[in-house]
Each structure stands twice: as structure tokens, then as C-alpha cells.
Amino acid sequence: MAGEPQADCLFCKIVAGEVPATIVRETETTVAFRDINPQAPTHVLVIPKAHYPNAAELAAAEPKVIADILCESREVAAAEEIEESGFRVVFNTGSGAGQTVFHAHLHILGGRGLQWPPG
């Protein structure tokens, strides 16, 4: 059921403290942690604590939580000292877009020049 923790979800296990992660920020509704396979000097994921398979389903069910995730992206960028130089936020929704963990998550990338369009 959407919103409920999923036993086989890596990110639900991180939220529950069952799988270690380098957490950089946590709020009532979100957790931000470093990506284990960084694509930039700063690569942090922000996830909702509630399980939704992707950003589209999260937005439809809980627009306030998706707004919380976007607000956290700015807080993370400020804490990581990339707010002034610029940073990218990305939601991959669906396997065709590169989503590999089916728990909604936002990527924050920065710390180097980021060309557009990305691959």
C-alpha cells in the first residue's frame, strides 16, 4: 500500500535505520543522505519517509511532502556549500528514466559544472 513501509525497499530500510547511510539531514517527513555511487562531488538523495514508488505518485498523494523534499534540496545545497555555485535537482520517474530504486527520491548534484542536457 502506498505510504506504508515496504519490507523489500532499500530506502524504507534506510528510513527505519536497518540499512546504514550517511545521513546529512532529516526532518519529520524526509531523510537526506549521500548517494553510494556519486555522479558529482556532491550527490545527495532526499527521500520521503513514507513509501511511494515514484515522484508522480507522491505528488498526487501527498503534495505537501513533495514540496518538503524540494525545500530540503535548498537546505542541503546550503549546508553542502553549493547553493551559490549552482546545483541540479532530478527526479527519475520510471525505469525508462533511470529510476532503479522504486521509492520516490530526488537527486541533488553539484560541486562541478553540470552540462545540459545530461545524457
PDB file of N, CA and C in Angstrom:
ATOM      1  N   MET A   1       0.849  -1.185   0.000  1.00  0.00           N
ATOM      2  CA  MET A   1       0.000   0.000   0.000  1.00  0.00           C
ATOM      3  C   MET A   1       0.897   1.253   0.000  1.00  0.00           C
ATOM      4  N   ALA A   2       0.573   2.201  -0.848  1.00  0.00           N
ATOM      5  CA  ALA A   2       1.356   3.442  -0.933  1.00  0.00           C
ATOM      6  C   ALA A   2       1.375   4.146   0.422  1.00  0.00           C
ATOM      7  N   GLY A   3       2.509   4.699   0.749  1.00  0.00           N
ATOM      8  CA  GLY A   3       2.671   5.398   2.013  1.00  0.00           C
ATOM      9  C   GLY A   3       3.196   4.513   3.132  1.00  0.00           C
ATOM     10  N   GLU A   4       2.956   3.216   3.027  1.00  0.00           N
ATOM     11  CA  GLU A   4       3.382   2.269   4.059  1.00  0.00           C
ATOM     12  C   GLU A   4       4.770   1.727   3.743  1.00  0.00           C
ATOM     13  N   PRO A   5       5.594   1.480   4.765  1.00  0.00           N
ATOM     14  CA  PRO A   5       6.922   0.894   4.512  1.00  0.00           C
ATOM     15  C   PRO A   5       6.802  -0.439   3.784  1.00  0.00           C
ATOM     16  N   GLN A   6       7.748  -0.669   2.886  1.00  0.00           N
ATOM     17  CA  GLN A   6       7.789  -1.908   2.118  1.00  0.00           C
ATOM     18  C   GLN A   6       8.998  -2.719   2.588  1.00  0.00           C
ATOM     19  N   ALA A   7       8.773  -3.970   2.939  1.00  0.00           N
ATOM     20  CA  ALA A   7       9.826  -4.814   3.504  1.00  0.00           C
ATOM     21  C   ALA A   7      11.008  -5.001   2.563  1.00  0.00           C
ATOM     22  N   ASP A   8      10.773  -4.960   1.250  1.00  0.00           N
ATOM     23  CA  ASP A   8      11.847  -5.199   0.291  1.00  0.00           C
ATOM     24  C   ASP A   8      12.439  -3.923  -0.294  1.00  0.00           C
ATOM     25  N   CYS A   9      12.119  -2.761   0.298  1.00  0.00           N
ATOM     26  CA  CYS A   9      12.575  -1.473  -0.237  1.00  0.00           C
ATOM     27  C   CYS A   9      13.821  -0.985   0.506  1.00  0.00           C
ATOM     28  N   LEU A  10      14.911  -0.804  -0.243  1.00  0.00           N
ATOM     29  CA  LEU A  10      16.162  -0.317   0.333  1.00  0.00           C
ATOM     30  C   LEU A  10      15.970   1.000   1.069  1.00  0.00           C
ATOM     31  N   PHE A  11      15.252   1.952   0.464  1.00  0.00           N
ATOM     32  CA  PHE A  11      15.099   3.266   1.091  1.00  0.00           C
ATOM     33  C   PHE A  11      14.208   3.202   2.329  1.00  0.00           C
ATOM     34  N   CYS A  12      13.198   2.334   2.338  1.00  0.00           N
ATOM     35  CA  CYS A  12      12.396   2.144   3.554  1.00  0.00           C
ATOM     36  C   CYS A  12      13.279   1.608   4.681  1.00  0.00           C
ATOM     37  N   LYS A  13      14.220   0.746   4.332  1.00  0.00           N
ATOM     38  CA  LYS A  13      15.144   0.197   5.333  1.00  0.00           C
ATOM     39  C   LYS A  13      16.089   1.282   5.849  1.00  0.00           C
ATOM     40  N   ILE A  14      16.490   2.222   4.999  1.00  0.00           N
ATOM     41  CA  ILE A  14      17.317   3.343   5.457  1.00  0.00           C
ATOM     42  C   ILE A  14      16.510   4.205   6.417  1.00  0.00           C
ATOM     43  N   VAL A  15      15.264   4.513   6.081  1.00  0.00           N
ATOM     44  CA  VAL A  15      14.396   5.307   6.957  1.00  0.00           C
ATOM     45  C   VAL A  15      14.260   4.624   8.314  1.00  0.00           C
ATOM     46  N   ALA A  16      14.109   3.305   8.327  1.00  0.00           N
ATOM     47  CA  ALA A  16      13.925   2.545   9.565  1.00  0.00           C
ATOM     48  C   ALA A  16      15.222   2.344  10.337  1.00  0.00           C
ATOM     49  N   GLY A  17      16.368   2.709   9.749  1.00  0.00           N
ATOM     50  CA  GLY A  17      17.650   2.506  10.412  1.00  0.00           C
ATOM     51  C   GLY A  17      18.175   1.088  10.289  1.00  0.00           C
ATOM     52  N   GLU A  18      17.593   0.295   9.400  1.00  0.00           N
ATOM     53  CA  GLU A  18      18.010  -1.094   9.225  1.00  0.00           C
ATOM     54  C   GLU A  18      19.189  -1.229   8.267  1.00  0.00           C
ATOM     55  N   VAL A  19      19.380  -0.240   7.411  1.00  0.00           N
ATOM     56  CA  VAL A  19      20.491  -0.218   6.460  1.00  0.00           C
ATOM     57  C   VAL A  19      21.240   1.091   6.703  1.00  0.00           C
ATOM     58  N   PRO A  20      22.561   1.032   6.846  1.00  0.00           N
ATOM     59  CA  PRO A  20      23.306   2.263   7.112  1.00  0.00           C
ATOM     60  C   PRO A  20      23.334   3.195   5.903  1.00  0.00           C
ATOM     61  N   ALA A  21      23.375   4.476   6.195  1.00  0.00           N
ATOM     62  CA  ALA A  21      23.515   5.510   5.173  1.00  0.00           C
ATOM     63  C   ALA A  21      24.169   6.706   5.842  1.00  0.00           C
ATOM     64  N   THR A  22      24.855   7.521   5.059  1.00  0.00           N
ATOM     65  CA  THR A  22      25.450   8.740   5.583  1.00  0.00           C
ATOM     66  C   THR A  22      24.393   9.838   5.484  1.00  0.00           C
ATOM     67  N   ILE A  23      23.662  10.000   6.562  1.00  0.00           N
ATOM     68  CA  ILE A  23      22.552  10.954   6.599  1.00  0.00           C
ATOM     69  C   ILE A  23      23.105  12.357   6.828  1.00  0.00           C
ATOM     70  N   VAL A  24      22.665  13.298   5.995  1.00  0.00           N
ATOM     71  CA  VAL A  24      23.126  14.682   6.114  1.00  0.00           C
ATOM     72  C   VAL A  24      22.058  15.591   6.708  1.00  0.00           C
ATOM     73  N   ARG A  25      20.780  15.232   6.550  1.00  0.00           N
ATOM     74  CA  ARG A  25      19.683  15.993   7.135  1.00  0.00           C
ATOM     75  C   ARG A  25      18.495  15.057   7.316  1.00  0.00           C
ATOM     76  N   GLU A  26      17.652  15.401   8.297  1.00  0.00           N
ATOM     77  CA  GLU A  26      16.419  14.651   8.498  1.00  0.00           C
ATOM     78  C   GLU A  26      15.369  15.609   9.031  1.00  0.00           C
ATOM     79  N   THR A  27      14.149  15.478   8.519  1.00  0.00           N
ATOM     80  CA  THR A  27      13.024  16.262   9.010  1.00  0.00           C
ATOM     81  C   THR A  27      11.920  15.294   9.405  1.00  0.00           C
ATOM     82  N   GLU A  28      10.786  15.823   9.769  1.00  0.00           N
ATOM     83  CA  GLU A  28       9.648  14.989  10.128  1.00  0.00           C
ATOM     84  C   GLU A  28       9.197  14.115   8.959  1.00  0.00           C
ATOM     85  N   THR A  29       9.346  14.623   7.737  1.00  0.00           N
ATOM     86  CA  THR A  29       8.825  13.908   6.566  1.00  0.00           C
ATOM     87  C   THR A  29       9.893  13.402   5.604  1.00  0.00           C
ATOM     88  N   THR A  30      11.162  13.814   5.777  1.00  0.00           N
ATOM     89  CA  THR A  30      12.203  13.483   4.799  1.00  0.00           C
ATOM     90  C   THR A  30      13.492  13.012   5.458  1.00  0.00           C
ATOM     91  N   VAL A  31      14.305  12.325   4.652  1.00  0.00           N
ATOM     92  CA  VAL A  31      15.666  11.962   5.027  1.00  0.00           C
ATOM     93  C   VAL A  31      16.557  12.277   3.831  1.00  0.00           C
ATOM     94  N   ALA A  32      17.695  12.911   4.090  1.00  0.00           N
ATOM     95  CA  ALA A  32      18.669  13.206   3.033  1.00  0.00           C
ATOM     96  C   ALA A  32      19.958  12.473   3.369  1.00  0.00           C
ATOM     97  N   PHE A  33      20.519  11.775   2.367  1.00  0.00           N
ATOM     98  CA  PHE A  33      21.742  11.009   2.592  1.00  0.00           C
ATOM     99  C   PHE A  33      22.586  10.986   1.334  1.00  0.00           C
ATOM    100  N   ARG A  34      23.878  10.714   1.510  1.00  0.00           N
ATOM    101  CA  ARG A  34      24.808  10.699   0.386  1.00  0.00           C
ATOM    102  C   ARG A  34      24.569   9.475  -0.498  1.00  0.00           C
ATOM    103  N   ASP A  35      24.631   9.695  -1.807  1.00  0.00           N
ATOM    104  CA  ASP A  35      24.498   8.604  -2.769  1.00  0.00           C
ATOM    105  C   ASP A  35      25.740   7.717  -2.671  1.00  0.00           C
ATOM    106  N   ILE A  36      25.553   6.400  -2.711  1.00  0.00           N
ATOM    107  CA  ILE A  36      26.706   5.494  -2.603  1.00  0.00           C
ATOM    108  C   ILE A  36      27.492   5.399  -3.900  1.00  0.00           C
ATOM    109  N   ASN A  37      26.932   5.919  -4.993  1.00  0.00           N
ATOM    110  CA  ASN A  37      27.615   5.924  -6.286  1.00  0.00           C
ATOM    111  C   ASN A  37      27.536   7.340  -6.857  1.00  0.00           C
ATOM    112  N   PRO A  38      28.259   8.288  -6.237  1.00  0.00           N
ATOM    113  CA  PRO A  38      28.087   9.698  -6.613  1.00  0.00           C
ATOM    114  C   PRO A  38      28.474   9.998  -8.053  1.00  0.00           C
ATOM    115  N   GLN A  39      27.653  10.845  -8.680  1.00  0.00           N
ATOM    116  CA  GLN A  39      27.873  11.272 -10.056  1.00  0.00           C
ATOM    117  C   GLN A  39      28.423  12.696 -10.129  1.00  0.00           C
ATOM    118  N   ALA A  40      28.670  13.304  -8.978  1.00  0.00           N
ATOM    119  CA  ALA A  40      29.237  14.645  -8.870  1.00  0.00           C
ATOM    120  C   ALA A  40      29.883  14.728  -7.492  1.00  0.00           C
ATOM    121  N   PRO A  41      30.758  15.728  -7.259  1.00  0.00           N
ATOM    122  CA  PRO A  41      31.374  15.852  -5.939  1.00  0.00           C
ATOM    123  C   PRO A  41      30.352  15.895  -4.803  1.00  0.00           C
ATOM    124  N   THR A  42      29.227  16.557  -5.033  1.00  0.00           N
ATOM    125  CA  THR A  42      28.113  16.497  -4.093  1.00  0.00           C
ATOM    126  C   THR A  42      26.979  15.751  -4.782  1.00  0.00           C
ATOM    127  N   HIS A  43      26.558  14.655  -4.177  1.00  0.00           N
ATOM    128  CA  HIS A  43      25.430  13.877  -4.701  1.00  0.00           C
ATOM    129  C   HIS A  43      24.678  13.335  -3.498  1.00  0.00           C
ATOM    130  N   VAL A  44      23.569  13.986  -3.200  1.00  0.00           N
ATOM    131  CA  VAL A  44      22.753  13.652  -2.035  1.00  0.00           C
ATOM    132  C   VAL A  44      21.352  13.308  -2.531  1.00  0.00           C
ATOM    133  N   LEU A  45      20.750  12.304  -1.913  1.00  0.00           N
ATOM    134  CA  LEU A  45      19.364  11.944  -2.200  1.00  0.00           C
ATOM    135  C   LEU A  45      18.475  12.461  -1.080  1.00  0.00           C
ATOM    136  N   VAL A  46      17.309  12.969  -1.438  1.00  0.00           N
ATOM    137  CA  VAL A  46      16.293  13.337  -0.451  1.00  0.00           C
ATOM    138  C   VAL A  46      15.084  12.461  -0.739  1.00  0.00           C
ATOM    139  N   ILE A  47      14.634  11.748   0.295  1.00  0.00           N
ATOM    140  CA  ILE A  47      13.510  10.826   0.129  1.00  0.00           C
ATOM    141  C   ILE A  47      12.415  11.167   1.137  1.00  0.00           C
ATOM    142  N   PRO A  48      11.178  10.825   0.782  1.00  0.00           N
ATOM    143  CA  PRO A  48      10.122  10.924   1.792  1.00  0.00           C
ATOM    144  C   PRO A  48      10.249   9.732   2.737  1.00  0.00           C
ATOM    145  N   LYS A  49       9.881   9.930   3.985  1.00  0.00           N
ATOM    146  CA  LYS A  49       9.880   8.799   4.911  1.00  0.00           C
ATOM    147  C   LYS A  49       8.791   7.795   4.534  1.00  0.00           C
ATOM    148  N   ALA A  50       7.697   8.277   3.977  1.00  0.00           N
ATOM    149  CA  ALA A  50       6.620   7.397   3.510  1.00  0.00           C
ATOM    150  C   ALA A  50       7.013   6.813   2.160  1.00  0.00           C
ATOM    151  N   HIS A  51       6.594   5.584   1.916  1.00  0.00           N
ATOM    152  CA  HIS A  51       6.932   4.912   0.654  1.00  0.00           C
ATOM    153  C   HIS A  51       5.921   5.234  -0.435  1.00  0.00           C
ATOM    154  N   TYR A  52       6.435   5.802  -1.507  1.00  0.00           N
ATOM    155  CA  TYR A  52       5.692   5.974  -2.761  1.00  0.00           C
ATOM    156  C   TYR A  52       6.647   5.545  -3.851  1.00  0.00           C
ATOM    157  N   PRO A  53       6.196   4.810  -4.859  1.00  0.00           N
ATOM    158  CA  PRO A  53       7.104   4.239  -5.842  1.00  0.00           C
ATOM    159  C   PRO A  53       7.844   5.262  -6.699  1.00  0.00           C
ATOM    160  N   ASN A  54       7.273   6.453  -6.875  1.00  0.00           N
ATOM    161  CA  ASN A  54       7.939   7.457  -7.704  1.00  0.00           C
ATOM    162  C   ASN A  54       7.401   8.844  -7.375  1.00  0.00           C
ATOM    163  N   ALA A  55       8.028   9.858  -7.950  1.00  0.00           N
ATOM    164  CA  ALA A  55       7.671  11.244  -7.661  1.00  0.00           C
ATOM    165  C   ALA A  55       6.248  11.568  -8.100  1.00  0.00           C
ATOM    166  N   ALA A  56       5.803  11.015  -9.224  1.00  0.00           N
ATOM    167  CA  ALA A  56       4.457  11.309  -9.716  1.00  0.00           C
ATOM    168  C   ALA A  56       3.394  10.811  -8.735  1.00  0.00           C
ATOM    169  N   GLU A  57       3.584   9.597  -8.224  1.00  0.00           N
ATOM    170  CA  GLU A  57       2.609   9.060  -7.267  1.00  0.00           C
ATOM    171  C   GLU A  57       2.668   9.814  -5.946  1.00  0.00           C
ATOM    172  N   LEU A  58       3.856  10.203  -5.516  1.00  0.00           N
ATOM    173  CA  LEU A  58       3.994  11.003  -4.299  1.00  0.00           C
ATOM    174  C   LEU A  58       3.290  12.345  -4.464  1.00  0.00           C
ATOM    175  N   ALA A  59       3.500  13.012  -5.588  1.00  0.00           N
ATOM    176  CA  ALA A  59       2.888  14.319  -5.832  1.00  0.00           C
ATOM    177  C   ALA A  59       1.365  14.227  -5.824  1.00  0.00           C
ATOM    178  N   ALA A  60       0.833  13.169  -6.414  1.00  0.00           N
ATOM    179  CA  ALA A  60      -0.616  13.002  -6.457  1.00  0.00           C
ATOM    180  C   ALA A  60      -1.192  12.732  -5.071  1.00  0.00           C
ATOM    181  N   ALA A  61      -0.473  11.952  -4.264  1.00  0.00           N
ATOM    182  CA  ALA A  61      -0.991  11.543  -2.958  1.00  0.00           C
ATOM    183  C   ALA A  61      -0.687  12.550  -1.845  1.00  0.00           C
ATOM    184  N   GLU A  62       0.511  13.130  -1.880  1.00  0.00           N
ATOM    185  CA  GLU A  62       0.947  13.993  -0.780  1.00  0.00           C
ATOM    186  C   GLU A  62       1.741  15.190  -1.309  1.00  0.00           C
ATOM    187  N   PRO A  63       1.057  16.154  -1.914  1.00  0.00           N
ATOM    188  CA  PRO A  63       1.774  17.300  -2.483  1.00  0.00           C
ATOM    189  C   PRO A  63       2.609  18.059  -1.456  1.00  0.00           C
ATOM    190  N   LYS A  64       2.192  18.096  -0.191  1.00  0.00           N
ATOM    191  CA  LYS A  64       2.986  18.790   0.822  1.00  0.00           C
ATOM    192  C   LYS A  64       4.335  18.103   1.017  1.00  0.00           C
ATOM    193  N   VAL A  65       4.349  16.779   0.967  1.00  0.00           N
ATOM    194  CA  VAL A  65       5.604  16.053   1.181  1.00  0.00           C
ATOM    195  C   VAL A  65       6.555  16.275   0.004  1.00  0.00           C
ATOM    196  N   ILE A  66       6.040  16.304  -1.210  1.00  0.00           N
ATOM    197  CA  ILE A  66       6.939  16.564  -2.339  1.00  0.00           C
ATOM    198  C   ILE A  66       7.481  17.993  -2.243  1.00  0.00           C
ATOM    199  N   ALA A  67       6.666  18.917  -1.740  1.00  0.00           N
ATOM    200  CA  ALA A  67       7.155  20.282  -1.503  1.00  0.00           C
ATOM    201  C   ALA A  67       8.228  20.275  -0.419  1.00  0.00           C
ATOM    202  N   ASP A  68       8.051  19.466   0.618  1.00  0.00           N
ATOM    203  CA  ASP A  68       9.073  19.341   1.672  1.00  0.00           C
ATOM    204  C   ASP A  68      10.396  18.870   1.076  1.00  0.00           C
ATOM    205  N   ILE A  69      10.334  17.911   0.153  1.00  0.00           N
ATOM    206  CA  ILE A  69      11.542  17.384  -0.474  1.00  0.00           C
ATOM    207  C   ILE A  69      12.244  18.492  -1.257  1.00  0.00           C
ATOM    208  N   LEU A  70      11.485  19.271  -2.015  1.00  0.00           N
ATOM    209  CA  LEU A  70      12.088  20.373  -2.775  1.00  0.00           C
ATOM    210  C   LEU A  70      12.682  21.429  -1.850  1.00  0.00           C
ATOM    211  N   CYS A  71      11.999  21.739  -0.765  1.00  0.00           N
ATOM    212  CA  CYS A  71      12.546  22.702   0.203  1.00  0.00           C
ATOM    213  C   CYS A  71      13.830  22.166   0.822  1.00  0.00           C
ATOM    214  N   GLU A  72      13.870  20.882   1.091  1.00  0.00           N
ATOM    215  CA  GLU A  72      15.079  20.281   1.652  1.00  0.00           C
ATOM    216  C   GLU A  72      16.241  20.337   0.666  1.00  0.00           C
ATOM    217  N   SER A  73      15.952  20.306  -0.628  1.00  0.00           N
ATOM    218  CA  SER A  73      17.046  20.383  -1.605  1.00  0.00           C
ATOM    219  C   SER A  73      17.819  21.682  -1.426  1.00  0.00           C
ATOM    220  N   ARG A  74      17.131  22.765  -1.161  1.00  0.00           N
ATOM    221  CA  ARG A  74      17.809  24.040  -0.925  1.00  0.00           C
ATOM    222  C   ARG A  74      18.609  24.003   0.377  1.00  0.00           C
ATOM    223  N   GLU A  75      18.042  23.420   1.408  1.00  0.00           N
ATOM    224  CA  GLU A  75      18.737  23.330   2.697  1.00  0.00           C
ATOM    225  C   GLU A  75      20.008  22.478   2.567  1.00  0.00           C
ATOM    226  N   VAL A  76      19.910  21.382   1.858  1.00  0.00           N
ATOM    227  CA  VAL A  76      21.081  20.525   1.630  1.00  0.00           C
ATOM    228  C   VAL A  76      22.125  21.289   0.828  1.00  0.00           C
ATOM    229  N   ALA A  77      21.696  21.964  -0.244  1.00  0.00           N
ATOM    230  CA  ALA A  77      22.642  22.724  -1.072  1.00  0.00           C
ATOM    231  C   ALA A  77      23.362  23.783  -0.241  1.00  0.00           C
ATOM    232  N   ALA A  78      22.647  24.453   0.643  1.00  0.00           N
ATOM    233  CA  ALA A  78      23.269  25.462   1.505  1.00  0.00           C
ATOM    234  C   ALA A  78      24.272  24.799   2.451  1.00  0.00           C
ATOM    235  N   ALA A  79      23.879  23.701   3.072  1.00  0.00           N
ATOM    236  CA  ALA A  79      24.767  23.002   4.006  1.00  0.00           C
ATOM    237  C   ALA A  79      25.998  22.441   3.306  1.00  0.00           C
ATOM    238  N   GLU A  80      25.841  22.035   2.056  1.00  0.00           N
ATOM    239  CA  GLU A  80      26.944  21.465   1.279  1.00  0.00           C
ATOM    240  C   GLU A  80      27.765  22.540   0.567  1.00  0.00           C
ATOM    241  N   GLU A  81      27.366  23.803   0.740  1.00  0.00           N
ATOM    242  CA  GLU A  81      28.059  24.956   0.159  1.00  0.00           C
ATOM    243  C   GLU A  81      28.096  24.929  -1.362  1.00  0.00           C
ATOM    244  N   ILE A  82      26.973  24.498  -1.966  1.00  0.00           N
ATOM    245  CA  ILE A  82      26.857  24.531  -3.426  1.00  0.00           C
ATOM    246  C   ILE A  82      25.704  25.419  -3.877  1.00  0.00           C
ATOM    247  N   GLU A  83      25.039  26.053  -2.933  1.00  0.00           N
ATOM    248  CA  GLU A  83      23.882  26.883  -3.284  1.00  0.00           C
ATOM    249  C   GLU A  83      24.285  28.038  -4.199  1.00  0.00           C
ATOM    250  N   GLU A  84      25.380  28.691  -3.917  1.00  0.00           N
ATOM    251  CA  GLU A  84      25.806  29.846  -4.708  1.00  0.00           C
ATOM    252  C   GLU A  84      26.357  29.447  -6.076  1.00  0.00           C
ATOM    253  N   SER A  85      27.117  28.368  -6.125  1.00  0.00           N
ATOM    254  CA  SER A  85      27.727  27.957  -7.397  1.00  0.00           C
ATOM    255  C   SER A  85      26.728  27.264  -8.318  1.00  0.00           C
ATOM    256  N   GLY A  86      25.658  26.756  -7.755  1.00  0.00           N
ATOM    257  CA  GLY A  86      24.619  26.110  -8.542  1.00  0.00           C
ATOM    258  C   GLY A  86      24.560  24.615  -8.297  1.00  0.00           C
ATOM    259  N   PHE A  87      23.357  24.088  -8.418  1.00  0.00           N
ATOM    260  CA  PHE A  87      23.138  22.659  -8.203  1.00  0.00           C
ATOM    261  C   PHE A  87      21.951  22.220  -9.043  1.00  0.00           C
ATOM    262  N   ARG A  88      21.871  20.939  -9.279  1.00  0.00           N
ATOM    263  CA  ARG A  88      20.784  20.359 -10.060  1.00  0.00           C
ATOM    264  C   ARG A  88      19.958  19.467  -9.149  1.00  0.00           C
ATOM    265  N   VAL A  89      18.630  19.491  -9.351  1.00  0.00           N
ATOM    266  CA  VAL A  89      17.739  18.557  -8.667  1.00  0.00           C
ATOM    267  C   VAL A  89      17.050  17.720  -9.736  1.00  0.00           C
ATOM    268  N   VAL A  90      16.987  16.408  -9.504  1.00  0.00           N
ATOM    269  CA  VAL A  90      16.454  15.484 -10.502  1.00  0.00           C
ATOM    270  C   VAL A  90      15.579  14.442  -9.818  1.00  0.00           C
ATOM    271  N   PHE A  91      14.379  14.257 -10.353  1.00  0.00           N
ATOM    272  CA  PHE A  91      13.539  13.109 -10.017  1.00  0.00           C
ATOM    273  C   PHE A  91      13.544  12.200 -11.239  1.00  0.00           C
ATOM    274  N   ASN A  92      13.979  10.968 -11.121  1.00  0.00           N
ATOM    275  CA  ASN A  92      13.842   9.970 -12.182  1.00  0.00           C
ATOM    276  C   ASN A  92      12.567   9.192 -11.869  1.00  0.00           C
ATOM    277  N   THR A  93      11.622   9.177 -12.800  1.00  0.00           N
ATOM    278  CA  THR A  93      10.343   8.508 -12.566  1.00  0.00           C
ATOM    279  C   THR A  93      10.156   7.417 -13.609  1.00  0.00           C
ATOM    280  N   GLY A  94      10.345   6.179 -13.164  1.00  0.00           N
ATOM    281  CA  GLY A  94      10.206   5.023 -14.042  1.00  0.00           C
ATOM    282  C   GLY A  94      11.549   4.517 -14.534  1.00  0.00           C
ATOM    283  N   SER A  95      11.594   3.234 -14.858  1.00  0.00           N
ATOM    284  CA  SER A  95      12.852   2.617 -15.277  1.00  0.00           C
ATOM    285  C   SER A  95      13.393   3.231 -16.559  1.00  0.00           C
ATOM    286  N   GLY A  96      12.517   3.672 -17.462  1.00  0.00           N
ATOM    287  CA  GLY A  96      12.965   4.296 -18.698  1.00  0.00           C
ATOM    288  C   GLY A  96      13.685   5.611 -18.485  1.00  0.00           C
ATOM    289  N   ALA A  97      13.478   6.222 -17.325  1.00  0.00           N
ATOM    290  CA  ALA A  97      14.148   7.481 -16.978  1.00  0.00           C
ATOM    291  C   ALA A  97      15.363   7.240 -16.082  1.00  0.00           C
ATOM    292  N   GLY A  98      15.659   5.974 -15.804  1.00  0.00           N
ATOM    293  CA  GLY A  98      16.831   5.657 -14.994  1.00  0.00           C
ATOM    294  C   GLY A  98      16.543   5.386 -13.532  1.00  0.00           C
ATOM    295  N   GLN A  99      15.270   5.334 -13.134  1.00  0.00           N
ATOM    296  CA  GLN A  99      14.965   5.028 -11.735  1.00  0.00           C
ATOM    297  C   GLN A  99      15.295   3.568 -11.472  1.00  0.00           C
ATOM    298  N   THR A 100      16.102   3.319 -10.428  1.00  0.00           N
ATOM    299  CA  THR A 100      16.479   1.952 -10.088  1.00  0.00           C
ATOM    300  C   THR A 100      15.976   1.524  -8.711  1.00  0.00           C
ATOM    301  N   VAL A 101      15.696   2.486  -7.838  1.00  0.00           N
ATOM    302  CA  VAL A 101      15.079   2.181  -6.546  1.00  0.00           C
ATOM    303  C   VAL A 101      13.686   2.792  -6.600  1.00  0.00           C
ATOM    304  N   PHE A 102      12.672   1.953  -6.449  1.00  0.00           N
ATOM    305  CA  PHE A 102      11.305   2.417  -6.652  1.00  0.00           C
ATOM    306  C   PHE A 102      10.668   2.883  -5.348  1.00  0.00           C
ATOM    307  N   HIS A 103      11.326   3.895  -4.787  1.00  0.00           N
ATOM    308  CA  HIS A 103      10.871   4.696  -3.647  1.00  0.00           C
ATOM    309  C   HIS A 103      11.212   6.109  -4.098  1.00  0.00           C
ATOM    310  N   ALA A 104      10.234   6.991  -4.162  1.00  0.00           N
ATOM    311  CA  ALA A 104      10.458   8.349  -4.675  1.00  0.00           C
ATOM    312  C   ALA A 104      11.712   8.953  -4.054  1.00  0.00           C
ATOM    313  N   HIS A 105      12.527   9.595  -4.878  1.00  0.00           N
ATOM    314  CA  HIS A 105      13.726  10.250  -4.363  1.00  0.00           C
ATOM    315  C   HIS A 105      14.190  11.327  -5.324  1.00  0.00           C
ATOM    316  N   LEU A 106      14.770  12.349  -4.752  1.00  0.00           N
ATOM    317  CA  LEU A 106      15.302  13.472  -5.505  1.00  0.00           C
ATOM    318  C   LEU A 106      16.816  13.454  -5.377  1.00  0.00           C
ATOM    319  N   HIS A 107      17.510  13.621  -6.488  1.00  0.00           N
ATOM    320  CA  HIS A 107      18.963  13.719  -6.502  1.00  0.00           C
ATOM    321  C   HIS A 107      19.349  15.190  -6.462  1.00  0.00           C
ATOM    322  N   ILE A 108      20.305  15.534  -5.615  1.00  0.00           N
ATOM    323  CA  ILE A 108      20.910  16.864  -5.605  1.00  0.00           C
ATOM    324  C   ILE A 108      22.350  16.667  -6.056  1.00  0.00           C
ATOM    325  N   LEU A 109      22.710  17.340  -7.144  1.00  0.00           N
ATOM    326  CA  LEU A 109      24.044  17.203  -7.720  1.00  0.00           C
ATOM    327  C   LEU A 109      24.693  18.574  -7.810  1.00  0.00           C
ATOM    328  N   GLY A 110      25.962  18.648  -7.452  1.00  0.00           N
ATOM    329  CA  GLY A 110      26.680  19.914  -7.559  1.00  0.00           C
ATOM    330  C   GLY A 110      28.149  19.733  -7.242  1.00  0.00           C
ATOM    331  N   GLY A 111      28.834  20.851  -7.189  1.00  0.00           N
ATOM    332  CA  GLY A 111      30.254  20.818  -6.874  1.00  0.00           C
ATOM    333  C   GLY A 111      31.146  20.765  -8.103  1.00  0.00           C
ATOM    334  N   ARG A 112      30.543  20.788  -9.291  1.00  0.00           N
ATOM    335  CA  ARG A 112      31.280  20.838 -10.560  1.00  0.00           C
ATOM    336  C   ARG A 112      30.318  21.378 -11.608  1.00  0.00           C
ATOM    337  N   GLY A 113      30.844  21.753 -12.756  1.00  0.00           N
ATOM    338  CA  GLY A 113      29.987  22.173 -13.856  1.00  0.00           C
ATOM    339  C   GLY A 113      29.099  21.018 -14.295  1.00  0.00           C
ATOM    340  N   LEU A 114      27.846  21.316 -14.557  1.00  0.00           N
ATOM    341  CA  LEU A 114      26.892  20.289 -14.986  1.00  0.00           C
ATOM    342  C   LEU A 114      26.314  20.718 -16.326  1.00  0.00           C
ATOM    343  N   GLN A 115      26.711  20.025 -17.386  1.00  0.00           N
ATOM    344  CA  GLN A 115      26.239  20.401 -18.715  1.00  0.00           C
ATOM    345  C   GLN A 115      24.781  20.034 -18.898  1.00  0.00           C
ATOM    346  N   TRP A 116      24.130  20.677 -19.852  1.00  0.00           N
ATOM    347  CA  TRP A 116      22.747  20.378 -20.202  1.00  0.00           C
ATOM    348  C   TRP A 116      22.659  20.228 -21.704  1.00  0.00           C
ATOM    349  N   PRO A 117      21.983  19.300 -22.242  1.00  0.00           N
ATOM    350  CA  PRO A 117      21.247  18.284 -21.489  1.00  0.00           C
ATOM    351  C   PRO A 117      22.169  17.179 -21.002  1.00  0.00           C
ATOM    352  N   PRO A 118      21.768  16.548 -19.870  1.00  0.00           N
ATOM    353  CA  PRO A 118      22.554  15.403 -19.408  1.00  0.00           C
ATOM    354  C   PRO A 118      22.288  14.228 -20.332  1.00  0.00           C
ATOM    355  N   GLY A 119      23.162  13.305 -20.492  1.00  0.00           N
ATOM    356  CA  GLY A 119      22.994  12.122 -21.317  1.00  0.00           C
ATOM    357  C   GLY A 119      21.655  11.850 -21.739  1.00  0.00           C
TER     358      GLY A 119
END
